[in-house]
PDB file of N, CA and C in Angstrom:
ATOM      1  N   MET A   1       1.216  -1.409   0.238  1.00  0.00           N
ATOM      2  CA  MET A   1       0.192  -0.248  -0.189  1.00  0.00           C
ATOM      3  C   MET A   1       0.662   0.874  -0.296  1.00  0.00           C
ATOM      4  N   ALA A   2       0.873   1.925  -0.762  1.00  0.00           N
ATOM      5  CA  ALA A   2       1.167   2.794  -0.907  1.00  0.00           C
ATOM      6  C   ALA A   2       0.874   4.369   0.724  1.00  0.00           C
ATOM      7  N   LYS A   3       1.688   5.109   0.616  1.00  0.00           N
ATOM      8  CA  LYS A   3       2.281   6.194   1.784  1.00  0.00           C
ATOM      9  C   LYS A   3       1.010   7.436   1.179  1.00  0.00           C
ATOM     10  N   THR A   4       0.030   7.681   1.907  1.00  0.00           N
ATOM     11  CA  THR A   4      -0.428   9.247   1.559  1.00  0.00           C
ATOM     12  C   THR A   4       0.639  10.052   2.088  1.00  0.00           C
ATOM     13  N   SER A   5      -0.194  11.453   2.051  1.00  0.00           N
ATOM     14  CA  SER A   5       0.897  12.930   2.449  1.00  0.00           C
ATOM     15  C   SER A   5       0.431  12.630   3.939  1.00  0.00           C
ATOM     16  N   LYS A   6      -0.591  12.258   4.402  1.00  0.00           N
ATOM     17  CA  LYS A   6      -0.881  12.675   5.320  1.00  0.00           C
ATOM     18  C   LYS A   6      -0.355  11.418   6.909  1.00  0.00           C
ATOM     19  N   GLU A   7       0.414  10.412   5.978  1.00  0.00           N
ATOM     20  CA  GLU A   7       0.891   9.553   7.178  1.00  0.00           C
ATOM     21  C   GLU A   7       2.859  10.139   7.224  1.00  0.00           C
ATOM     22  N   LYS A   8       3.197   9.897   8.524  1.00  0.00           N
ATOM     23  CA  LYS A   8       4.508  10.567   8.749  1.00  0.00           C
ATOM     24  C   LYS A   8       5.125   9.232   8.633  1.00  0.00           C
ATOM     25  N   PRO A   9       6.704   9.453   8.368  1.00  0.00           N
ATOM     26  CA  PRO A   9       7.749   8.284   8.292  1.00  0.00           C
ATOM     27  C   PRO A   9       7.906   7.141   9.575  1.00  0.00           C
ATOM     28  N   GLU A  10       8.179   6.609   9.424  1.00  0.00           N
ATOM     29  CA  GLU A  10       8.644   5.722  11.139  1.00  0.00           C
ATOM     30  C   GLU A  10       9.396   6.382  11.404  1.00  0.00           C
ATOM     31  N   ALA A  11      10.717   6.926  11.044  1.00  0.00           N
ATOM     32  CA  ALA A  11      11.587   7.478  12.064  1.00  0.00           C
ATOM     33  C   ALA A  11      12.274   9.083  11.369  1.00  0.00           C
ATOM     34  N   ALA A  12      11.698   9.725  11.349  1.00  0.00           N
ATOM     35  CA  ALA A  12      11.618  10.631  10.663  1.00  0.00           C
ATOM     36  C   ALA A  12      12.556  11.166  11.286  1.00  0.00           C
ATOM     37  N   THR A  13      13.953  11.644  10.617  1.00  0.00           N
ATOM     38  CA  THR A  13      15.583  12.350  11.482  1.00  0.00           C
ATOM     39  C   THR A  13      14.936  13.795  12.128  1.00  0.00           C
ATOM     40  N   ARG A  14      15.759  14.126  13.064  1.00  0.00           N
ATOM     41  CA  ARG A  14      16.175  15.157  13.453  1.00  0.00           C
ATOM     42  C   ARG A  14      17.551  15.698  13.024  1.00  0.00           C
ATOM     43  N   LEU A  15      17.814  17.303  13.065  1.00  0.00           N
ATOM     44  CA  LEU A  15      18.805  17.934  12.903  1.00  0.00           C
ATOM     45  C   LEU A  15      19.296  18.507  14.550  1.00  0.00           C
ATOM     46  N   SER A  16      20.211  18.583  14.748  1.00  0.00           N
ATOM     47  CA  SER A  16      20.592  18.568  16.559  1.00  0.00           C
ATOM     48  C   SER A  16      22.061  20.035  15.897  1.00  0.00           C
ATOM     49  N   ILE A  17      21.504  21.231  16.335  1.00  0.00           N
ATOM     50  CA  ILE A  17      21.717  22.617  15.596  1.00  0.00           C
ATOM     51  C   ILE A  17      22.203  22.862  16.527  1.00  0.00           C
ATOM     52  N   ARG A  18      23.672  23.289  16.922  1.00  0.00           N
ATOM     53  CA  ARG A  18      24.544  24.005  18.103  1.00  0.00           C
ATOM     54  C   ARG A  18      25.442  25.333  17.030  1.00  0.00           C
ATOM     55  N   TRP A  19      24.581  26.381  18.310  1.00  0.00           N
ATOM     56  CA  TRP A  19      25.041  27.762  17.647  1.00  0.00           C
ATOM     57  C   TRP A  19      26.553  27.984  18.456  1.00  0.00           C
ATOM     58  N   VAL A  20      28.245  28.116  17.390  1.00  0.00           N
ATOM     59  CA  VAL A  20      29.239  27.901  18.358  1.00  0.00           C
ATOM     60  C   VAL A  20      30.082  28.814  17.381  1.00  0.00           C
ATOM     61  N   ARG A  21      29.504  29.999  16.567  1.00  0.00           N
ATOM     62  CA  ARG A  21      30.568  31.353  16.650  1.00  0.00           C
ATOM     63  C   ARG A  21      29.435  31.934  16.165  1.00  0.00           C
ATOM     64  N   SER A  22      29.992  33.253  17.069  1.00  0.00           N
ATOM     65  CA  SER A  22      29.016  34.351  17.186  1.00  0.00           C
ATOM     66  C   SER A  22      28.483  35.244  15.545  1.00  0.00           C
ATOM     67  N   ALA A  23      27.465  35.898  15.738  1.00  0.00           N
ATOM     68  CA  ALA A  23      26.780  36.507  14.398  1.00  0.00           C
ATOM     69  C   ALA A  23      27.440  37.792  14.568  1.00  0.00           C
ATOM     70  N   ILE A  24      28.388  38.432  15.349  1.00  0.00           N
ATOM     71  CA  ILE A  24      28.622  39.738  15.004  1.00  0.00           C
ATOM     72  C   ILE A  24      29.362  40.390  13.484  1.00  0.00           C
ATOM     73  N   ALA A  25      28.913  41.354  13.825  1.00  0.00           N
ATOM     74  CA  ALA A  25      29.966  41.658  11.805  1.00  0.00           C
ATOM     75  C   ALA A  25      29.223  40.980  11.256  1.00  0.00           C
ATOM     76  N   GLN A  26      27.927  39.720  11.319  1.00  0.00           N
ATOM     77  CA  GLN A  26      27.560  39.578  10.388  1.00  0.00           C
ATOM     78  C   GLN A  26      26.622  39.994   9.458  1.00  0.00           C
ATOM     79  N   PRO A  27      26.179  40.368   7.795  1.00  0.00           N
ATOM     80  CA  PRO A  27      24.912  40.979   7.723  1.00  0.00           C
ATOM     81  C   PRO A  27      24.031  40.739   8.669  1.00  0.00           C
ATOM     82  N   GLN A  28      23.128  41.413   8.361  1.00  0.00           N
ATOM     83  CA  GLN A  28      21.502  41.110   9.065  1.00  0.00           C
ATOM     84  C   GLN A  28      20.677  40.220   8.545  1.00  0.00           C
ATOM     85  N   GLY A  29      20.900  39.513   7.351  1.00  0.00           N
ATOM     86  CA  GLY A  29      20.521  38.092   7.084  1.00  0.00           C
ATOM     87  C   GLY A  29      21.094  37.185   7.095  1.00  0.00           C
ATOM     88  N   ILE A  30      22.460  37.047   7.809  1.00  0.00           N
ATOM     89  CA  ILE A  30      23.057  35.969   8.991  1.00  0.00           C
ATOM     90  C   ILE A  30      21.998  36.041  10.110  1.00  0.00           C
ATOM     91  N   ARG A  31      22.044  36.865  11.078  1.00  0.00           N
ATOM     92  CA  ARG A  31      21.719  36.821  12.244  1.00  0.00           C
ATOM     93  C   ARG A  31      20.240  36.765  11.993  1.00  0.00           C
ATOM     94  N   GLN A  32      19.749  36.818  11.040  1.00  0.00           N
ATOM     95  CA  GLN A  32      18.300  36.229  10.713  1.00  0.00           C
ATOM     96  C   GLN A  32      17.594  35.264  10.837  1.00  0.00           C
ATOM     97  N   THR A  33      18.869  34.284  10.025  1.00  0.00           N
ATOM     98  CA  THR A  33      18.513  32.894  10.391  1.00  0.00           C
ATOM     99  C   THR A  33      18.960  32.554  11.584  1.00  0.00           C
ATOM    100  N   ILE A  34      20.078  32.641  12.088  1.00  0.00           N
ATOM    101  CA  ILE A  34      19.827  32.181  13.045  1.00  0.00           C
ATOM    102  C   ILE A  34      18.719  32.866  13.905  1.00  0.00           C
ATOM    103  N   ARG A  35      18.274  33.913  13.908  1.00  0.00           N
ATOM    104  CA  ARG A  35      16.993  33.940  14.450  1.00  0.00           C
ATOM    105  C   ARG A  35      16.008  32.485  14.533  1.00  0.00           C
ATOM    106  N   GLY A  36      15.495  32.266  12.974  1.00  0.00           N
ATOM    107  CA  GLY A  36      14.255  31.876  12.324  1.00  0.00           C
ATOM    108  C   GLY A  36      14.940  30.095  12.683  1.00  0.00           C
ATOM    109  N   LEU A  37      15.841  30.180  13.023  1.00  0.00           N
ATOM    110  CA  LEU A  37      16.682  28.506  13.596  1.00  0.00           C
ATOM    111  C   LEU A  37      15.790  28.242  14.903  1.00  0.00           C
ATOM    112  N   GLY A  38      15.798  29.248  15.295  1.00  0.00           N
ATOM    113  CA  GLY A  38      15.375  29.584  16.858  1.00  0.00           C
ATOM    114  C   GLY A  38      16.381  29.767  18.019  1.00  0.00           C
ATOM    115  N   LEU A  39      17.550  29.834  17.840  1.00  0.00           N
ATOM    116  CA  LEU A  39      18.770  30.128  18.027  1.00  0.00           C
ATOM    117  C   LEU A  39      18.676  31.575  19.064  1.00  0.00           C
ATOM    118  N   HIS A  40      19.265  31.850  20.190  1.00  0.00           N
ATOM    119  CA  HIS A  40      19.038  32.797  21.088  1.00  0.00           C
ATOM    120  C   HIS A  40      20.685  32.827  21.438  1.00  0.00           C
ATOM    121  N   ARG A  41      20.951  32.667  22.033  1.00  0.00           N
ATOM    122  CA  ARG A  41      22.012  32.508  22.575  1.00  0.00           C
ATOM    123  C   ARG A  41      23.314  31.473  21.888  1.00  0.00           C
ATOM    124  N   LEU A  42      24.025  32.126  22.075  1.00  0.00           N
ATOM    125  CA  LEU A  42      25.506  31.279  22.223  1.00  0.00           C
ATOM    126  C   LEU A  42      25.944  29.872  22.964  1.00  0.00           C
ATOM    127  N   HIS A  43      25.752  29.017  22.106  1.00  0.00           N
ATOM    128  CA  HIS A  43      26.156  27.341  22.434  1.00  0.00           C
ATOM    129  C   HIS A  43      25.088  26.628  23.121  1.00  0.00           C
ATOM    130  N   GLU A  44      23.915  27.434  22.173  1.00  0.00           N
ATOM    131  CA  GLU A  44      22.676  26.566  22.337  1.00  0.00           C
ATOM    132  C   GLU A  44      22.079  25.641  21.501  1.00  0.00           C
ATOM    133  N   VAL A  45      21.693  25.191  21.613  1.00  0.00           N
ATOM    134  CA  VAL A  45      21.290  23.654  21.158  1.00  0.00           C
ATOM    135  C   VAL A  45      19.734  23.443  20.756  1.00  0.00           C
ATOM    136  N   VAL A  46      18.850  23.501  19.255  1.00  0.00           N
ATOM    137  CA  VAL A  46      18.085  22.936  19.227  1.00  0.00           C
ATOM    138  C   VAL A  46      17.643  21.809  18.561  1.00  0.00           C
ATOM    139  N   GLU A  47      16.320  20.929  18.290  1.00  0.00           N
ATOM    140  CA  GLU A  47      16.343  20.520  17.433  1.00  0.00           C
ATOM    141  C   GLU A  47      15.040  20.463  16.506  1.00  0.00           C
ATOM    142  N   ARG A  48      15.409  20.370  14.952  1.00  0.00           N
ATOM    143  CA  ARG A  48      14.697  20.786  14.279  1.00  0.00           C
ATOM    144  C   ARG A  48      14.631  19.609  13.055  1.00  0.00           C
ATOM    145  N   PRO A  49      13.299  19.310  12.869  1.00  0.00           N
ATOM    146  CA  PRO A  49      13.325  18.223  11.538  1.00  0.00           C
ATOM    147  C   PRO A  49      14.072  18.324   9.779  1.00  0.00           C
ATOM    148  N   ASP A  50      14.581  17.232   9.991  1.00  0.00           N
ATOM    149  CA  ASP A  50      15.447  17.307   8.635  1.00  0.00           C
ATOM    150  C   ASP A  50      14.225  17.888   7.640  1.00  0.00           C
ATOM    151  N   THR A  51      14.412  19.028   6.995  1.00  0.00           N
ATOM    152  CA  THR A  51      13.358  18.960   5.901  1.00  0.00           C
ATOM    153  C   THR A  51      14.344  20.355   4.990  1.00  0.00           C
ATOM    154  N   PRO A  52      13.918  20.391   3.150  1.00  0.00           N
ATOM    155  CA  PRO A  52      14.767  21.473   2.369  1.00  0.00           C
ATOM    156  C   PRO A  52      14.819  22.969   3.149  1.00  0.00           C
ATOM    157  N   ALA A  53      13.775  22.766   3.741  1.00  0.00           N
ATOM    158  CA  ALA A  53      14.098  24.612   4.334  1.00  0.00           C
ATOM    159  C   ALA A  53      14.926  25.061   5.157  1.00  0.00           C
ATOM    160  N   ILE A  54      14.710  23.978   6.193  1.00  0.00           N
ATOM    161  CA  ILE A  54      15.983  23.981   7.722  1.00  0.00           C
ATOM    162  C   ILE A  54      17.030  23.669   7.339  1.00  0.00           C
ATOM    163  N   ARG A  55      17.773  22.477   6.352  1.00  0.00           N
ATOM    164  CA  ARG A  55      19.094  22.228   5.669  1.00  0.00           C
ATOM    165  C   ARG A  55      19.355  23.553   4.771  1.00  0.00           C
ATOM    166  N   GLY A  56      18.550  24.238   3.916  1.00  0.00           N
ATOM    167  CA  GLY A  56      18.686  25.575   3.469  1.00  0.00           C
ATOM    168  C   GLY A  56      19.655  27.108   4.281  1.00  0.00           C
ATOM    169  N   MET A  57      18.732  26.911   5.657  1.00  0.00           N
ATOM    170  CA  MET A  57      18.921  27.716   6.201  1.00  0.00           C
ATOM    171  C   MET A  57      20.034  27.224   6.726  1.00  0.00           C
ATOM    172  N   ILE A  58      20.145  25.714   6.842  1.00  0.00           N
ATOM    173  CA  ILE A  58      21.426  25.492   8.226  1.00  0.00           C
ATOM    174  C   ILE A  58      22.711  25.882   7.334  1.00  0.00           C
ATOM    175  N   HIS A  59      22.796  25.805   5.810  1.00  0.00           N
ATOM    176  CA  HIS A  59      23.869  25.722   4.739  1.00  0.00           C
ATOM    177  C   HIS A  59      24.058  27.808   4.829  1.00  0.00           C
ATOM    178  N   LYS A  60      23.155  28.339   5.051  1.00  0.00           N
ATOM    179  CA  LYS A  60      23.383  29.708   4.596  1.00  0.00           C
ATOM    180  C   LYS A  60      24.222  30.457   6.303  1.00  0.00           C
ATOM    181  N   VAL A  61      24.610  29.789   7.175  1.00  0.00           N
ATOM    182  CA  VAL A  61      24.832  29.523   8.582  1.00  0.00           C
ATOM    183  C   VAL A  61      26.005  29.054   8.319  1.00  0.00           C
ATOM    184  N   ARG A  62      26.034  28.164   7.729  1.00  0.00           N
ATOM    185  CA  ARG A  62      27.272  26.752   8.304  1.00  0.00           C
ATOM    186  C   ARG A  62      28.913  26.969   8.907  1.00  0.00           C
ATOM    187  N   HIS A  63      28.855  27.994   8.582  1.00  0.00           N
ATOM    188  CA  HIS A  63      30.109  29.020   9.333  1.00  0.00           C
ATOM    189  C   HIS A  63      29.993  28.658  10.460  1.00  0.00           C
ATOM    190  N   LEU A  64      28.985  28.798  11.231  1.00  0.00           N
ATOM    191  CA  LEU A  64      29.035  29.411  12.552  1.00  0.00           C
ATOM    192  C   LEU A  64      28.297  28.447  13.690  1.00  0.00           C
ATOM    193  N   VAL A  65      27.516  27.375  12.780  1.00  0.00           N
ATOM    194  CA  VAL A  65      26.974  26.127  13.455  1.00  0.00           C
ATOM    195  C   VAL A  65      27.613  25.297  13.269  1.00  0.00           C
ATOM    196  N   GLU A  66      27.080  23.727  14.443  1.00  0.00           N
ATOM    197  CA  GLU A  66      27.642  22.419  14.277  1.00  0.00           C
ATOM    198  C   GLU A  66      26.246  22.198  13.888  1.00  0.00           C
ATOM    199  N   VAL A  67      26.111  21.274  13.686  1.00  0.00           N
ATOM    200  CA  VAL A  67      25.135  20.205  12.800  1.00  0.00           C
ATOM    201  C   VAL A  67      25.018  18.727  13.678  1.00  0.00           C
ATOM    202  N   THR A  68      24.510  17.981  13.842  1.00  0.00           N
ATOM    203  CA  THR A  68      24.066  16.340  13.654  1.00  0.00           C
ATOM    204  C   THR A  68      23.191  15.948  13.501  1.00  0.00           C
ATOM    205  N   THR A  69      22.740  14.896  13.689  1.00  0.00           N
ATOM    206  CA  THR A  69      21.930  13.540  13.014  1.00  0.00           C
ATOM    207  C   THR A  69      21.791  13.140  13.777  1.00  0.00           C
ATOM    208  N   THR A  70      20.192  13.017  14.277  1.00  0.00           N
ATOM    209  CA  THR A  70      19.091  12.149  15.102  1.00  0.00           C
ATOM    210  C   THR A  70      18.396  11.470  14.874  1.00  0.00           C
ATOM    211  N   GLY A  71      17.793  10.459  15.258  1.00  0.00           N
ATOM    212  CA  GLY A  71      16.460   9.408  14.525  1.00  0.00           C
ATOM    213  C   GLY A  71      15.750  10.504  15.899  1.00  0.00           C
ATOM    214  N   ALA A  72      13.816  10.125  15.076  1.00  0.00           N
ATOM    215  CA  ALA A  72      13.066  10.594  16.566  1.00  0.00           C
ATOM    216  C   ALA A  72      12.954   9.185  17.033  1.00  0.00           C
ATOM    217  N   GLU A  73      12.642   9.669  18.333  1.00  0.00           N
ATOM    218  CA  GLU A  73      12.012   8.196  19.166  1.00  0.00           C
ATOM    219  C   GLU A  73      10.789   8.042  19.571  1.00  0.00           C
ATOM    220  N   LYS A  74      10.213   7.299  19.793  1.00  0.00           N
ATOM    221  CA  LYS A  74       8.863   7.308  20.029  1.00  0.00           C
ATOM    222  C   LYS A  74       8.447   6.902  21.220  1.00  0.00           C
TER     223      LYS A  74
END
């Protein structure tokens, strides 16, 4: 049986994003992207779903963050 768009994948991948370098002297767009990821303080860690939108945001600030992949737990 084919999956419908309403079904969730069995083990959705999540990304753990840690802010490791300051955004001082960075363009406004970079600072807004950091805020859009949900990061407020240096060395803060947030978990986000592994989606193309989140991946694009991480790519934009890849020099300021560290990313690890984790599987979602039920």
